[in-house]
Each structure stands twice: as structure tokens, then as C-alpha cells.
Amino acid sequence: MTPRLTSAMLVSALVRRADAAGGSAMVLARGDATSGAILLLLLERGANPRFVEGGIGPDGERALLPSGPKELADEAEAGAYWRRRRERDGDLWVVELDIAGGERFAAETMNLC
């Protein structure tokens, strides 16, 4: 088995790398420090909200996968979605990441590509 970084370390890396790259990242909810799932709310300049999270892709490898509603009308709808997820999974981390190319950025940081 290949050792993996803890969820807390991955979230910390996302926040630090986003800041260093001129973007922003904010932890909206803290989950289990060791193995909590990480749900990312991706934005580009505050627009185009979408959710992704780590999972197993069609090729059987770990990857970032789309999650949540296909289209989000506004920030309130996005907040309602992740709050419902947290009600069912208290170990879930929720991170808002506002940076160009968010999917690629997150996949590189979380070593999913």
C-alpha cells in the first residue's frame, strides 16, 4: 500500500499553494484530520461555481470527479449543497478554491494526475 498524506495536510497544501499562485482558498468546514473526504468548491474570479472531489475514475485510478448539482444558480445554492453533505458526513472537509484552472491545480496538489 502506498502511503498517502492526511486530509489535513492536503487541505493545508491547497491553501498555501493557492495563495502562492495568486488565487485564494478558504476552508469552509473542517473534517477528519486523517482521512476525511475533501469536497472542493471551485470558482474562477468568484464565478462559475462547481464541485469536485477525489474518487476513483473510469480507469480505476484516483482522480478528481465532478460532484453535486450540474449548475449552481448562486452562492446560496452552493452553500446549501455542501451543508447537506456535511449533515450526512461530519468527517467531510469543504474547501473553496478560487483560482484559474482549479481542477488541474487541485489535481496536481492532491497528486491525482
PDB file of N, CA and C in Angstrom:
ATOM      1  N   MET A   1       0.840  -1.171   0.000  1.00  0.00           N
ATOM      2  CA  MET A   1       0.000   0.000   0.000  1.00  0.00           C
ATOM      3  C   MET A   1       0.889   1.239   0.000  1.00  0.00           C
ATOM      4  N   THR A   2       0.561   2.201  -0.843  1.00  0.00           N
ATOM      5  CA  THR A   2       1.314   3.436  -0.942  1.00  0.00           C
ATOM      6  C   THR A   2       0.856   4.404   0.143  1.00  0.00           C
ATOM      7  N   PRO A   3       1.789   4.937   0.923  1.00  0.00           N
ATOM      8  CA  PRO A   3       1.380   5.895   1.950  1.00  0.00           C
ATOM      9  C   PRO A   3       0.828   7.168   1.305  1.00  0.00           C
ATOM     10  N   ARG A   4      -0.183   7.756   1.965  1.00  0.00           N
ATOM     11  CA  ARG A   4      -0.788   8.987   1.464  1.00  0.00           C
ATOM     12  C   ARG A   4      -0.755  10.053   2.543  1.00  0.00           C
ATOM     13  N   LEU A   5      -0.792  11.288   2.119  1.00  0.00           N
ATOM     14  CA  LEU A   5      -0.859  12.403   3.056  1.00  0.00           C
ATOM     15  C   LEU A   5      -2.230  12.424   3.719  1.00  0.00           C
ATOM     16  N   THR A   6      -2.284  12.955   4.918  1.00  0.00           N
ATOM     17  CA  THR A   6      -3.562  13.081   5.605  1.00  0.00           C
ATOM     18  C   THR A   6      -4.405  14.159   4.932  1.00  0.00           C
ATOM     19  N   SER A   7      -5.689  14.128   5.194  1.00  0.00           N
ATOM     20  CA  SER A   7      -6.597  15.137   4.639  1.00  0.00           C
ATOM     21  C   SER A   7      -6.191  16.533   5.088  1.00  0.00           C
ATOM     22  N   ALA A   8      -5.825  16.673   6.354  1.00  0.00           N
ATOM     23  CA  ALA A   8      -5.429  17.985   6.870  1.00  0.00           C
ATOM     24  C   ALA A   8      -4.199  18.513   6.130  1.00  0.00           C
ATOM     25  N   MET A   9      -3.254  17.641   5.822  1.00  0.00           N
ATOM     26  CA  MET A   9      -2.053  18.071   5.099  1.00  0.00           C
ATOM     27  C   MET A   9      -2.388  18.469   3.664  1.00  0.00           C
ATOM     28  N   LEU A  10      -3.280  17.716   3.015  1.00  0.00           N
ATOM     29  CA  LEU A  10      -3.672  18.054   1.647  1.00  0.00           C
ATOM     30  C   LEU A  10      -4.393  19.396   1.600  1.00  0.00           C
ATOM     31  N   VAL A  11      -5.284  19.633   2.545  1.00  0.00           N
ATOM     32  CA  VAL A  11      -6.005  20.908   2.594  1.00  0.00           C
ATOM     33  C   VAL A  11      -5.022  22.051   2.845  1.00  0.00           C
ATOM     34  N   SER A  12      -4.104  21.851   3.755  1.00  0.00           N
ATOM     35  CA  SER A  12      -3.102  22.873   4.035  1.00  0.00           C
ATOM     36  C   SER A  12      -2.279  23.184   2.785  1.00  0.00           C
ATOM     37  N   ALA A  13      -1.897  22.159   2.048  1.00  0.00           N
ATOM     38  CA  ALA A  13      -1.131  22.356   0.812  1.00  0.00           C
ATOM     39  C   ALA A  13      -1.957  23.123  -0.219  1.00  0.00           C
ATOM     40  N   LEU A  14      -3.236  22.800  -0.341  1.00  0.00           N
ATOM     41  CA  LEU A  14      -4.105  23.525  -1.279  1.00  0.00           C
ATOM     42  C   LEU A  14      -4.157  25.011  -0.938  1.00  0.00           C
ATOM     43  N   VAL A  15      -4.354  25.318   0.327  1.00  0.00           N
ATOM     44  CA  VAL A  15      -4.463  26.707   0.764  1.00  0.00           C
ATOM     45  C   VAL A  15      -3.155  27.449   0.507  1.00  0.00           C
ATOM     46  N   ARG A  16      -2.040  26.862   0.878  1.00  0.00           N
ATOM     47  CA  ARG A  16      -0.739  27.523   0.712  1.00  0.00           C
ATOM     48  C   ARG A  16      -0.375  27.704  -0.757  1.00  0.00           C
ATOM     49  N   ARG A  17      -0.588  26.671  -1.562  1.00  0.00           N
ATOM     50  CA  ARG A  17      -0.253  26.772  -2.992  1.00  0.00           C
ATOM     51  C   ARG A  17      -1.139  27.771  -3.702  1.00  0.00           C
ATOM     52  N   ALA A  18      -2.436  27.806  -3.359  1.00  0.00           N
ATOM     53  CA  ALA A  18      -3.352  28.767  -3.986  1.00  0.00           C
ATOM     54  C   ALA A  18      -2.907  30.185  -3.677  1.00  0.00           C
ATOM     55  N   ASP A  19      -2.549  30.442  -2.431  1.00  0.00           N
ATOM     56  CA  ASP A  19      -2.081  31.766  -2.028  1.00  0.00           C
ATOM     57  C   ASP A  19      -0.811  32.137  -2.786  1.00  0.00           C
ATOM     58  N   ALA A  20       0.117  31.206  -2.875  1.00  0.00           N
ATOM     59  CA  ALA A  20       1.383  31.465  -3.566  1.00  0.00           C
ATOM     60  C   ALA A  20       1.186  31.699  -5.065  1.00  0.00           C
ATOM     61  N   ALA A  21       0.131  31.115  -5.639  1.00  0.00           N
ATOM     62  CA  ALA A  21      -0.135  31.243  -7.070  1.00  0.00           C
ATOM     63  C   ALA A  21      -1.035  32.436  -7.393  1.00  0.00           C
ATOM     64  N   GLY A  22      -1.374  33.247  -6.387  1.00  0.00           N
ATOM     65  CA  GLY A  22      -2.198  34.418  -6.636  1.00  0.00           C
ATOM     66  C   GLY A  22      -3.695  34.161  -6.581  1.00  0.00           C
ATOM     67  N   GLY A  23      -4.088  32.965  -6.182  1.00  0.00           N
ATOM     68  CA  GLY A  23      -5.502  32.645  -6.025  1.00  0.00           C
ATOM     69  C   GLY A  23      -5.882  32.744  -4.565  1.00  0.00           C
ATOM     70  N   SER A  24      -7.010  32.172  -4.237  1.00  0.00           N
ATOM     71  CA  SER A  24      -7.399  32.148  -2.833  1.00  0.00           C
ATOM     72  C   SER A  24      -8.053  30.806  -2.514  1.00  0.00           C
ATOM     73  N   ALA A  25      -7.931  30.429  -1.271  1.00  0.00           N
ATOM     74  CA  ALA A  25      -8.554  29.198  -0.790  1.00  0.00           C
ATOM     75  C   ALA A  25      -9.018  29.442   0.632  1.00  0.00           C
ATOM     76  N   MET A  26     -10.183  28.904   0.947  1.00  0.00           N
ATOM     77  CA  MET A  26     -10.741  29.071   2.283  1.00  0.00           C
ATOM     78  C   MET A  26     -11.370  27.754   2.720  1.00  0.00           C
ATOM     79  N   VAL A  27     -11.044  27.341   3.920  1.00  0.00           N
ATOM     80  CA  VAL A  27     -11.647  26.137   4.486  1.00  0.00           C
ATOM     81  C   VAL A  27     -13.023  26.532   5.021  1.00  0.00           C
ATOM     82  N   LEU A  28     -14.066  25.986   4.411  1.00  0.00           N
ATOM     83  CA  LEU A  28     -15.433  26.284   4.827  1.00  0.00           C
ATOM     84  C   LEU A  28     -15.894  25.361   5.942  1.00  0.00           C
ATOM     85  N   ALA A  29     -15.339  24.137   5.975  1.00  0.00           N
ATOM     86  CA  ALA A  29     -15.672  23.181   7.038  1.00  0.00           C
ATOM     87  C   ALA A  29     -14.505  22.226   7.204  1.00  0.00           C
ATOM     88  N   ARG A  30     -14.128  21.992   8.458  1.00  0.00           N
ATOM     89  CA  ARG A  30     -13.048  21.048   8.761  1.00  0.00           C
ATOM     90  C   ARG A  30     -13.637  19.671   9.007  1.00  0.00           C
ATOM     91  N   GLY A  31     -12.972  18.686   8.426  1.00  0.00           N
ATOM     92  CA  GLY A  31     -13.405  17.310   8.613  1.00  0.00           C
ATOM     93  C   GLY A  31     -12.398  16.529   9.428  1.00  0.00           C
ATOM     94  N   ASP A  32     -12.424  15.219   9.282  1.00  0.00           N
ATOM     95  CA  ASP A  32     -11.485  14.366   9.984  1.00  0.00           C
ATOM     96  C   ASP A  32     -10.077  14.646   9.475  1.00  0.00           C
ATOM     97  N   ALA A  33      -9.166  14.930  10.397  1.00  0.00           N
ATOM     98  CA  ALA A  33      -7.809  15.333  10.029  1.00  0.00           C
ATOM     99  C   ALA A  33      -7.046  14.245   9.285  1.00  0.00           C
ATOM    100  N   THR A  34      -7.343  12.994   9.576  1.00  0.00           N
ATOM    101  CA  THR A  34      -6.584  11.905   8.975  1.00  0.00           C
ATOM    102  C   THR A  34      -7.143  11.446   7.637  1.00  0.00           C
ATOM    103  N   SER A  35      -8.438  11.160   7.595  1.00  0.00           N
ATOM    104  CA  SER A  35      -8.965  10.520   6.389  1.00  0.00           C
ATOM    105  C   SER A  35     -10.289  11.082   5.898  1.00  0.00           C
ATOM    106  N   GLY A  36     -10.651  12.289   6.278  1.00  0.00           N
ATOM    107  CA  GLY A  36     -11.898  12.871   5.798  1.00  0.00           C
ATOM    108  C   GLY A  36     -11.848  13.140   4.304  1.00  0.00           C
ATOM    109  N   ALA A  37     -12.970  12.933   3.633  1.00  0.00           N
ATOM    110  CA  ALA A  37     -13.066  13.258   2.204  1.00  0.00           C
ATOM    111  C   ALA A  37     -12.962  14.769   2.047  1.00  0.00           C
ATOM    112  N   ILE A  38     -12.506  15.210   0.873  1.00  0.00           N
ATOM    113  CA  ILE A  38     -12.341  16.634   0.611  1.00  0.00           C
ATOM    114  C   ILE A  38     -13.239  17.023  -0.561  1.00  0.00           C
ATOM    115  N   LEU A  39     -14.203  17.887  -0.297  1.00  0.00           N
ATOM    116  CA  LEU A  39     -15.100  18.421  -1.316  1.00  0.00           C
ATOM    117  C   LEU A  39     -14.607  19.821  -1.661  1.00  0.00           C
ATOM    118  N   LEU A  40     -14.343  20.068  -2.944  1.00  0.00           N
ATOM    119  CA  LEU A  40     -13.836  21.363  -3.379  1.00  0.00           C
ATOM    120  C   LEU A  40     -14.916  22.132  -4.113  1.00  0.00           C
ATOM    121  N   LEU A  41     -15.130  23.369  -3.698  1.00  0.00           N
ATOM    122  CA  LEU A  41     -15.983  24.301  -4.419  1.00  0.00           C
ATOM    123  C   LEU A  41     -15.042  25.163  -5.241  1.00  0.00           C
ATOM    124  N   LEU A  42     -15.043  24.943  -6.555  1.00  0.00           N
ATOM    125  CA  LEU A  42     -14.129  25.651  -7.443  1.00  0.00           C
ATOM    126  C   LEU A  42     -14.807  26.875  -8.041  1.00  0.00           C
ATOM    127  N   LEU A  43     -14.078  27.975  -8.065  1.00  0.00           N
ATOM    128  CA  LEU A  43     -14.545  29.226  -8.657  1.00  0.00           C
ATOM    129  C   LEU A  43     -13.437  29.785  -9.532  1.00  0.00           C
ATOM    130  N   GLU A  44     -13.824  30.649 -10.449  1.00  0.00           N
ATOM    131  CA  GLU A  44     -12.836  31.403 -11.214  1.00  0.00           C
ATOM    132  C   GLU A  44     -13.257  32.855 -11.159  1.00  0.00           C
ATOM    133  N   ARG A  45     -12.495  33.644 -10.388  1.00  0.00           N
ATOM    134  CA  ARG A  45     -12.806  35.057 -10.143  1.00  0.00           C
ATOM    135  C   ARG A  45     -14.202  35.225  -9.564  1.00  0.00           C
ATOM    136  N   GLY A  46     -14.556  34.338  -8.653  1.00  0.00           N
ATOM    137  CA  GLY A  46     -15.831  34.418  -7.962  1.00  0.00           C
ATOM    138  C   GLY A  46     -17.026  33.933  -8.752  1.00  0.00           C
ATOM    139  N   ALA A  47     -16.806  33.403  -9.946  1.00  0.00           N
ATOM    140  CA  ALA A  47     -17.910  32.958 -10.803  1.00  0.00           C
ATOM    141  C   ALA A  47     -17.733  31.489 -11.185  1.00  0.00           C
ATOM    142  N   ASN A  48     -18.733  30.962 -11.865  1.00  0.00           N
ATOM    143  CA  ASN A  48     -18.717  29.589 -12.378  1.00  0.00           C
ATOM    144  C   ASN A  48     -18.490  28.562 -11.263  1.00  0.00           C
ATOM    145  N   PRO A  49     -19.322  28.564 -10.215  1.00  0.00           N
ATOM    146  CA  PRO A  49     -19.121  27.609  -9.114  1.00  0.00           C
ATOM    147  C   PRO A  49     -19.421  26.173  -9.547  1.00  0.00           C
ATOM    148  N   ARG A  50     -18.585  25.253  -9.098  1.00  0.00           N
ATOM    149  CA  ARG A  50     -18.789  23.830  -9.367  1.00  0.00           C
ATOM    150  C   ARG A  50     -18.066  23.042  -8.287  1.00  0.00           C
ATOM    151  N   PHE A  51     -18.543  21.828  -8.063  1.00  0.00           N
ATOM    152  CA  PHE A  51     -17.953  20.974  -7.035  1.00  0.00           C
ATOM    153  C   PHE A  51     -17.213  19.810  -7.672  1.00  0.00           C
ATOM    154  N   VAL A  52     -16.076  19.447  -7.061  1.00  0.00           N
ATOM    155  CA  VAL A  52     -15.341  18.233  -7.419  1.00  0.00           C
ATOM    156  C   VAL A  52     -14.857  17.593  -6.122  1.00  0.00           C
ATOM    157  N   GLU A  53     -14.580  16.305  -6.198  1.00  0.00           N
ATOM    158  CA  GLU A  53     -13.995  15.611  -5.053  1.00  0.00           C
ATOM    159  C   GLU A  53     -13.203  14.422  -5.544  1.00  0.00           C
ATOM    160  N   GLY A  54     -12.300  13.962  -4.713  1.00  0.00           N
ATOM    161  CA  GLY A  54     -11.481  12.813  -5.070  1.00  0.00           C
ATOM    162  C   GLY A  54     -12.309  11.543  -5.104  1.00  0.00           C
ATOM    163  N   GLY A  55     -11.974  10.674  -6.005  1.00  0.00           N
ATOM    164  CA  GLY A  55     -12.666   9.395  -6.132  1.00  0.00           C
ATOM    165  C   GLY A  55     -11.900   8.496  -7.082  1.00  0.00           C
ATOM    166  N   ILE A  56     -12.546   7.435  -7.503  1.00  0.00           N
ATOM    167  CA  ILE A  56     -11.949   6.501  -8.452  1.00  0.00           C
ATOM    168  C   ILE A  56     -12.526   6.788  -9.836  1.00  0.00           C
ATOM    169  N   GLY A  57     -11.650   7.112 -10.773  1.00  0.00           N
ATOM    170  CA  GLY A  57     -12.073   7.434 -12.131  1.00  0.00           C
ATOM    171  C   GLY A  57     -12.399   6.192 -12.938  1.00  0.00           C
ATOM    172  N   PRO A  58     -12.849   6.382 -14.181  1.00  0.00           N
ATOM    173  CA  PRO A  58     -13.240   5.263 -15.035  1.00  0.00           C
ATOM    174  C   PRO A  58     -12.102   4.288 -15.333  1.00  0.00           C
ATOM    175  N   ASP A  59     -10.860   4.777 -15.212  1.00  0.00           N
ATOM    176  CA  ASP A  59      -9.710   3.907 -15.470  1.00  0.00           C
ATOM    177  C   ASP A  59      -9.249   3.162 -14.219  1.00  0.00           C
ATOM    178  N   GLY A  60      -9.978   3.338 -13.105  1.00  0.00           N
ATOM    179  CA  GLY A  60      -9.636   2.657 -11.861  1.00  0.00           C
ATOM    180  C   GLY A  60      -8.593   3.385 -11.028  1.00  0.00           C
ATOM    181  N   GLU A  61      -8.139   4.528 -11.499  1.00  0.00           N
ATOM    182  CA  GLU A  61      -7.145   5.323 -10.786  1.00  0.00           C
ATOM    183  C   GLU A  61      -7.825   6.438  -9.998  1.00  0.00           C
ATOM    184  N   ARG A  62      -7.146   6.919  -8.938  1.00  0.00           N
ATOM    185  CA  ARG A  62      -7.663   8.060  -8.178  1.00  0.00           C
ATOM    186  C   ARG A  62      -7.686   9.290  -9.072  1.00  0.00           C
ATOM    187  N   ALA A  63      -8.785  10.076  -8.965  1.00  0.00           N
ATOM    188  CA  ALA A  63      -8.951  11.255  -9.812  1.00  0.00           C
ATOM    189  C   ALA A  63      -9.916  12.227  -9.147  1.00  0.00           C
ATOM    190  N   LEU A  64      -9.941  13.457  -9.643  1.00  0.00           N
ATOM    191  CA  LEU A  64     -10.966  14.415  -9.232  1.00  0.00           C
ATOM    192  C   LEU A  64     -12.188  14.190 -10.098  1.00  0.00           C
ATOM    193  N   LEU A  65     -13.340  14.065  -9.461  1.00  0.00           N
ATOM    194  CA  LEU A  65     -14.579  13.795 -10.184  1.00  0.00           C
ATOM    195  C   LEU A  65     -15.594  14.894  -9.909  1.00  0.00           C
ATOM    196  N   PRO A  66     -16.414  15.231 -10.916  1.00  0.00           N
ATOM    197  CA  PRO A  66     -17.484  16.200 -10.682  1.00  0.00           C
ATOM    198  C   PRO A  66     -18.413  15.696  -9.587  1.00  0.00           C
ATOM    199  N   SER A  67     -18.939  16.622  -8.811  1.00  0.00           N
ATOM    200  CA  SER A  67     -19.817  16.272  -7.704  1.00  0.00           C
ATOM    201  C   SER A  67     -20.887  17.345  -7.589  1.00  0.00           C
ATOM    202  N   GLY A  68     -22.010  16.986  -7.013  1.00  0.00           N
ATOM    203  CA  GLY A  68     -23.047  17.975  -6.742  1.00  0.00           C
ATOM    204  C   GLY A  68     -23.872  18.340  -7.952  1.00  0.00           C
ATOM    205  N   PRO A  69     -24.654  19.416  -7.830  1.00  0.00           N
ATOM    206  CA  PRO A  69     -25.520  19.852  -8.924  1.00  0.00           C
ATOM    207  C   PRO A  69     -24.709  20.237 -10.158  1.00  0.00           C
ATOM    208  N   LYS A  70     -25.266  19.968 -11.321  1.00  0.00           N
ATOM    209  CA  LYS A  70     -24.576  20.309 -12.575  1.00  0.00           C
ATOM    210  C   LYS A  70     -24.414  21.816 -12.720  1.00  0.00           C
ATOM    211  N   GLU A  71     -25.469  22.551 -12.355  1.00  0.00           N
ATOM    212  CA  GLU A  71     -25.413  24.006 -12.436  1.00  0.00           C
ATOM    213  C   GLU A  71     -25.877  24.598 -11.124  1.00  0.00           C
ATOM    214  N   LEU A  72     -25.132  25.578 -10.656  1.00  0.00           N
ATOM    215  CA  LEU A  72     -25.471  26.265  -9.410  1.00  0.00           C
ATOM    216  C   LEU A  72     -25.877  27.690  -9.747  1.00  0.00           C
ATOM    217  N   ALA A  73     -27.048  28.099  -9.279  1.00  0.00           N
ATOM    218  CA  ALA A  73     -27.561  29.430  -9.589  1.00  0.00           C
ATOM    219  C   ALA A  73     -26.767  30.526  -8.885  1.00  0.00           C
ATOM    220  N   ASP A  74     -26.405  30.277  -7.629  1.00  0.00           N
ATOM    221  CA  ASP A  74     -25.711  31.313  -6.869  1.00  0.00           C
ATOM    222  C   ASP A  74     -24.977  30.688  -5.693  1.00  0.00           C
ATOM    223  N   GLU A  75     -24.334  31.553  -4.920  1.00  0.00           N
ATOM    224  CA  GLU A  75     -23.555  31.104  -3.769  1.00  0.00           C
ATOM    225  C   GLU A  75     -24.423  30.421  -2.708  1.00  0.00           C
ATOM    226  N   ALA A  76     -25.655  30.888  -2.564  1.00  0.00           N
ATOM    227  CA  ALA A  76     -26.557  30.300  -1.567  1.00  0.00           C
ATOM    228  C   ALA A  76     -26.865  28.843  -1.906  1.00  0.00           C
ATOM    229  N   GLU A  77     -27.063  28.543  -3.170  1.00  0.00           N
ATOM    230  CA  GLU A  77     -27.332  27.168  -3.589  1.00  0.00           C
ATOM    231  C   GLU A  77     -26.112  26.286  -3.348  1.00  0.00           C
ATOM    232  N   ALA A  78     -24.927  26.823  -3.610  1.00  0.00           N
ATOM    233  CA  ALA A  78     -23.696  26.067  -3.357  1.00  0.00           C
ATOM    234  C   ALA A  78     -23.553  25.792  -1.864  1.00  0.00           C
ATOM    235  N   GLY A  79     -23.816  26.800  -1.035  1.00  0.00           N
ATOM    236  CA  GLY A  79     -23.729  26.625   0.413  1.00  0.00           C
ATOM    237  C   GLY A  79     -24.721  25.602   0.930  1.00  0.00           C
ATOM    238  N   ALA A  80     -25.921  25.622   0.388  1.00  0.00           N
ATOM    239  CA  ALA A  80     -26.944  24.655   0.804  1.00  0.00           C
ATOM    240  C   ALA A  80     -26.506  23.228   0.469  1.00  0.00           C
ATOM    241  N   TYR A  81     -25.880  23.048  -0.711  1.00  0.00           N
ATOM    242  CA  TYR A  81     -25.444  21.709  -1.102  1.00  0.00           C
ATOM    243  C   TYR A  81     -24.384  21.169  -0.143  1.00  0.00           C
ATOM    244  N   TRP A  82     -23.328  21.949   0.094  1.00  0.00           N
ATOM    245  CA  TRP A  82     -22.266  21.397   0.937  1.00  0.00           C
ATOM    246  C   TRP A  82     -22.718  21.240   2.372  1.00  0.00           C
ATOM    247  N   ARG A  83     -23.626  22.052   2.855  1.00  0.00           N
ATOM    248  CA  ARG A  83     -24.145  21.878   4.222  1.00  0.00           C
ATOM    249  C   ARG A  83     -24.947  20.579   4.346  1.00  0.00           C
ATOM    250  N   ARG A  84     -25.721  20.249   3.315  1.00  0.00           N
ATOM    251  CA  ARG A  84     -26.448  18.957   3.320  1.00  0.00           C
ATOM    252  C   ARG A  84     -25.461  17.792   3.345  1.00  0.00           C
ATOM    253  N   ARG A  85     -24.386  17.897   2.579  1.00  0.00           N
ATOM    254  CA  ARG A  85     -23.369  16.844   2.576  1.00  0.00           C
ATOM    255  C   ARG A  85     -22.737  16.698   3.953  1.00  0.00           C
ATOM    256  N   ARG A  86     -22.457  17.809   4.615  1.00  0.00           N
ATOM    257  CA  ARG A  86     -21.854  17.765   5.956  1.00  0.00           C
ATOM    258  C   ARG A  86     -22.796  17.165   6.985  1.00  0.00           C
ATOM    259  N   GLU A  87     -24.091  17.357   6.813  1.00  0.00           N
ATOM    260  CA  GLU A  87     -25.052  16.742   7.734  1.00  0.00           C
ATOM    261  C   GLU A  87     -24.942  15.222   7.686  1.00  0.00           C
ATOM    262  N   ARG A  88     -24.689  14.676   6.497  1.00  0.00           N
ATOM    263  CA  ARG A  88     -24.586  13.226   6.335  1.00  0.00           C
ATOM    264  C   ARG A  88     -23.177  12.701   6.619  1.00  0.00           C
ATOM    265  N   ASP A  89     -22.172  13.573   6.500  1.00  0.00           N
ATOM    266  CA  ASP A  89     -20.784  13.147   6.677  1.00  0.00           C
ATOM    267  C   ASP A  89     -20.017  14.225   7.447  1.00  0.00           C
ATOM    268  N   GLY A  90     -19.981  14.090   8.750  1.00  0.00           N
ATOM    269  CA  GLY A  90     -19.296  15.058   9.599  1.00  0.00           C
ATOM    270  C   GLY A  90     -17.786  15.069   9.427  1.00  0.00           C
ATOM    271  N   ASP A  91     -17.229  14.049   8.764  1.00  0.00           N
ATOM    272  CA  ASP A  91     -15.782  13.977   8.522  1.00  0.00           C
ATOM    273  C   ASP A  91     -15.361  14.722   7.264  1.00  0.00           C
ATOM    274  N   LEU A  92     -16.326  15.252   6.507  1.00  0.00           N
ATOM    275  CA  LEU A  92     -16.068  15.891   5.223  1.00  0.00           C
ATOM    276  C   LEU A  92     -15.417  17.267   5.382  1.00  0.00           C
ATOM    277  N   TRP A  93     -14.344  17.491   4.639  1.00  0.00           N
ATOM    278  CA  TRP A  93     -13.730  18.813   4.525  1.00  0.00           C
ATOM    279  C   TRP A  93     -14.408  19.517   3.354  1.00  0.00           C
ATOM    280  N   VAL A  94     -14.618  20.813   3.472  1.00  0.00           N
ATOM    281  CA  VAL A  94     -15.135  21.610   2.363  1.00  0.00           C
ATOM    282  C   VAL A  94     -14.190  22.790   2.179  1.00  0.00           C
ATOM    283  N   VAL A  95     -13.651  22.911   0.967  1.00  0.00           N
ATOM    284  CA  VAL A  95     -12.678  23.953   0.668  1.00  0.00           C
ATOM    285  C   VAL A  95     -13.136  24.723  -0.563  1.00  0.00           C
ATOM    286  N   GLU A  96     -13.197  26.045  -0.428  1.00  0.00           N
ATOM    287  CA  GLU A  96     -13.484  26.910  -1.572  1.00  0.00           C
ATOM    288  C   GLU A  96     -12.155  27.321  -2.172  1.00  0.00           C
ATOM    289  N   LEU A  97     -12.013  27.083  -3.467  1.00  0.00           N
ATOM    290  CA  LEU A  97     -10.759  27.353  -4.168  1.00  0.00           C
ATOM    291  C   LEU A  97     -11.066  28.247  -5.362  1.00  0.00           C
ATOM    292  N   ASP A  98     -10.555  29.474  -5.339  1.00  0.00           N
ATOM    293  CA  ASP A  98     -10.792  30.438  -6.414  1.00  0.00           C
ATOM    294  C   ASP A  98      -9.468  30.697  -7.121  1.00  0.00           C
ATOM    295  N   ILE A  99      -9.301  30.007  -8.246  1.00  0.00           N
ATOM    296  CA  ILE A  99      -8.050  30.099  -8.999  1.00  0.00           C
ATOM    297  C   ILE A  99      -8.318  29.627 -10.421  1.00  0.00           C
ATOM    298  N   ALA A 100      -7.616  30.196 -11.374  1.00  0.00           N
ATOM    299  CA  ALA A 100      -7.763  29.751 -12.765  1.00  0.00           C
ATOM    300  C   ALA A 100      -7.307  28.301 -12.884  1.00  0.00           C
ATOM    301  N   GLY A 101      -8.021  27.515 -13.679  1.00  0.00           N
ATOM    302  CA  GLY A 101      -7.656  26.110 -13.865  1.00  0.00           C
ATOM    303  C   GLY A 101      -7.747  25.321 -12.582  1.00  0.00           C
ATOM    304  N   GLY A 102      -8.794  25.546 -11.807  1.00  0.00           N
ATOM    305  CA  GLY A 102      -8.931  24.941 -10.488  1.00  0.00           C
ATOM    306  C   GLY A 102      -8.846  23.432 -10.465  1.00  0.00           C
ATOM    307  N   GLU A 103      -9.457  22.777 -11.455  1.00  0.00           N
ATOM    308  CA  GLU A 103      -9.420  21.311 -11.489  1.00  0.00           C
ATOM    309  C   GLU A 103      -7.984  20.800 -11.608  1.00  0.00           C
ATOM    310  N   ARG A 104      -7.255  21.372 -12.557  1.00  0.00           N
ATOM    311  CA  ARG A 104      -5.865  20.939 -12.761  1.00  0.00           C
ATOM    312  C   ARG A 104      -5.013  21.273 -11.535  1.00  0.00           C
ATOM    313  N   PHE A 105      -5.190  22.486 -11.014  1.00  0.00           N
ATOM    314  CA  PHE A 105      -4.442  22.932  -9.840  1.00  0.00           C
ATOM    315  C   PHE A 105      -4.666  21.977  -8.676  1.00  0.00           C
ATOM    316  N   ALA A 106      -5.932  21.648  -8.391  1.00  0.00           N
ATOM    317  CA  ALA A 106      -6.259  20.762  -7.269  1.00  0.00           C
ATOM    318  C   ALA A 106      -5.723  19.356  -7.515  1.00  0.00           C
ATOM    319  N   ALA A 107      -5.861  18.843  -8.719  1.00  0.00           N
ATOM    320  CA  ALA A 107      -5.378  17.501  -9.032  1.00  0.00           C
ATOM    321  C   ALA A 107      -3.863  17.413  -8.854  1.00  0.00           C
ATOM    322  N   GLU A 108      -3.140  18.427  -9.280  1.00  0.00           N
ATOM    323  CA  GLU A 108      -1.689  18.437  -9.109  1.00  0.00           C
ATOM    324  C   GLU A 108      -1.317  18.481  -7.623  1.00  0.00           C
ATOM    325  N   THR A 109      -1.989  19.344  -6.878  1.00  0.00           N
ATOM    326  CA  THR A 109      -1.689  19.499  -5.448  1.00  0.00           C
ATOM    327  C   THR A 109      -2.001  18.233  -4.675  1.00  0.00           C
ATOM    328  N   MET A 110      -3.109  17.582  -5.026  1.00  0.00           N
ATOM    329  CA  MET A 110      -3.543  16.392  -4.298  1.00  0.00           C
ATOM    330  C   MET A 110      -2.951  15.121  -4.892  1.00  0.00           C
ATOM    331  N   ASN A 111      -2.032  15.281  -5.876  1.00  0.00           N
ATOM    332  CA  ASN A 111      -1.368  14.153  -6.515  1.00  0.00           C
ATOM    333  C   ASN A 111      -2.366  13.171  -7.139  1.00  0.00           C
ATOM    334  N   LEU A 112      -3.333  13.735  -7.881  1.00  0.00           N
ATOM    335  CA  LEU A 112      -4.364  12.913  -8.524  1.00  0.00           C
ATOM    336  C   LEU A 112      -4.216  12.922 -10.038  1.00  0.00           C
ATOM    337  N   CYS A 113      -3.065  13.330 -10.543  1.00  0.00           N
ATOM    338  CA  CYS A 113      -2.896  13.318 -12.003  1.00  0.00           C
ATOM    339  C   CYS A 113      -1.601  12.645 -12.374  1.00  0.00           C
TER     340      CYS A 113
END
